[in-house]
Amino acid sequence: MGDRLLKSVVLVGMMGAGKTAVGKSVAVKLGVPFLDSDEQIEIAANMTIAEIFERDGEEFFREKETQVINRLLLEESCILSTGGGAFLAQRNRVIIREHG
């Protein structure tokens, strides 16, 4: 059933807007994976977002966020929920427009 999704669907919006709840529901209905970019960053770094901000700063976090979003959009089509601030960066908007 997941072959119906030709490109990933990317959910953007402010923190707490419901991206995760909606994304999980849509992913189940379409039979495709649901991924959360913040969760994937935490897994890769083995740290929480707050810990990354505290240790390395926002600029470092935003660079990693862009790398993760790009990687996820080049993999299998999915429903991707991005962090609340991700869409504010033009480079992320370009990646999402091209690959999502």
Protein backbone atom coordinates (compact mmCIF):
# COMPACT_ATOMS: atom_id res chain seq x y z
CA MET A 1 0.00 0.00 0.00
CA GLY A 2 2.96 2.36 0.65
CA ASP A 3 3.70 2.45 -3.08
CA ARG A 4 0.82 4.93 -3.51
CA LEU A 5 2.94 7.69 -1.99
CA LEU A 6 5.30 8.99 -4.67
CA LYS A 7 6.94 11.64 -2.48
CA SER A 8 7.15 12.17 1.24
CA VAL A 9 4.51 14.36 2.82
CA VAL A 10 6.13 16.90 5.12
CA LEU A 11 4.20 18.42 8.00
CA VAL A 12 5.34 21.84 9.19
CA GLY A 13 3.99 24.13 11.88
CA MET A 14 4.55 25.47 15.32
CA MET A 15 5.38 23.22 18.24
CA GLY A 16 2.19 21.72 19.65
CA ALA A 17 0.18 22.23 16.46
CA GLY A 18 -0.57 18.51 16.12
CA LYS A 19 1.93 17.48 13.44
CA THR A 20 2.78 14.23 15.22
CA ALA A 21 -0.82 13.21 15.94
CA VAL A 22 -1.98 13.98 12.40
CA GLY A 23 1.16 12.51 10.84
CA LYS A 24 0.86 9.19 12.66
CA SER A 25 -2.79 8.87 11.68
CA VAL A 26 -2.15 9.67 8.01
CA ALA A 27 0.84 7.29 7.91
CA VAL A 28 -1.30 4.42 9.24
CA LYS A 29 -4.06 5.12 6.71
CA LEU A 30 -1.56 5.20 3.82
CA GLY A 31 0.52 2.30 5.09
CA VAL A 32 3.77 4.28 5.08
CA PRO A 33 6.29 5.07 7.82
CA PHE A 34 5.90 8.09 10.09
CA LEU A 35 9.11 9.88 11.00
CA ASP A 36 9.78 12.88 13.22
CA SER A 37 12.89 14.88 12.35
CA ASP A 38 13.51 15.95 15.96
CA GLU A 39 13.27 12.35 17.13
CA GLN A 40 15.71 11.27 14.41
CA ILE A 41 18.17 14.00 15.49
CA GLU A 42 17.96 12.81 19.09
CA ILE A 43 18.59 9.22 18.03
CA ALA A 44 21.58 10.19 15.88
CA ALA A 45 23.10 12.39 18.59
CA ASN A 46 22.10 10.16 21.52
CA MET A 47 21.04 13.41 23.22
CA THR A 48 17.85 15.39 23.65
CA ILE A 49 17.24 18.52 21.61
CA ALA A 50 17.62 20.58 24.80
CA GLU A 51 21.00 18.95 25.50
CA ILE A 52 22.19 19.65 21.95
CA PHE A 53 21.14 23.31 22.25
CA GLU A 54 22.89 23.62 25.62
CA ARG A 55 26.11 21.89 24.60
CA ASP A 56 26.50 22.96 20.97
CA GLY A 57 24.16 25.92 20.44
CA GLU A 58 21.29 26.61 18.08
CA GLU A 59 23.41 27.11 14.95
CA PHE A 60 24.91 23.62 15.30
CA PHE A 61 21.46 22.13 15.95
CA ARG A 62 19.96 23.85 12.89
CA GLU A 63 22.76 22.51 10.68
CA LYS A 64 22.11 18.96 11.92
CA GLU A 65 18.38 19.49 11.49
CA THR A 66 18.89 20.37 7.82
CA GLN A 67 21.12 17.32 7.30
CA VAL A 68 18.55 14.99 8.87
CA ILE A 69 15.59 16.43 6.94
CA ASN A 70 17.54 16.10 3.69
CA ARG A 71 18.53 12.50 4.48
CA LEU A 72 15.00 11.48 5.44
CA LEU A 73 13.50 13.01 2.30
CA LEU A 74 15.95 11.13 0.10
CA GLU A 75 15.03 7.79 1.67
CA GLU A 76 11.76 5.87 1.43
CA SER A 77 8.60 7.95 1.03
CA CYS A 78 7.03 8.68 4.40
CA ILE A 79 5.04 11.13 6.43
CA LEU A 80 7.66 13.45 7.97
CA SER A 81 6.97 15.76 10.87
CA THR A 82 9.53 18.54 11.24
CA GLY A 83 10.50 20.49 14.32
CA GLY A 84 8.65 23.71 15.07
CA GLY A 85 11.45 25.96 13.82
CA ALA A 86 12.61 23.90 10.85
CA PHE A 87 10.51 25.63 8.21
CA LEU A 88 11.85 29.05 9.19
CA ALA A 89 15.18 28.26 7.50
CA GLN A 90 15.12 28.90 3.76
CA ARG A 91 17.46 25.98 3.07
CA ASN A 92 14.91 23.64 4.69
CA ARG A 93 12.06 25.14 2.69
CA VAL A 94 14.05 24.52 -0.50
CA ILE A 95 14.78 20.89 0.45
CA ILE A 96 11.14 20.29 1.39
CA ARG A 97 9.85 21.89 -1.81
CA GLU A 98 12.23 19.82 -3.97
CA HIS A 99 11.86 16.46 -2.26
CA GLY A 100 8.58 16.55 -0.35
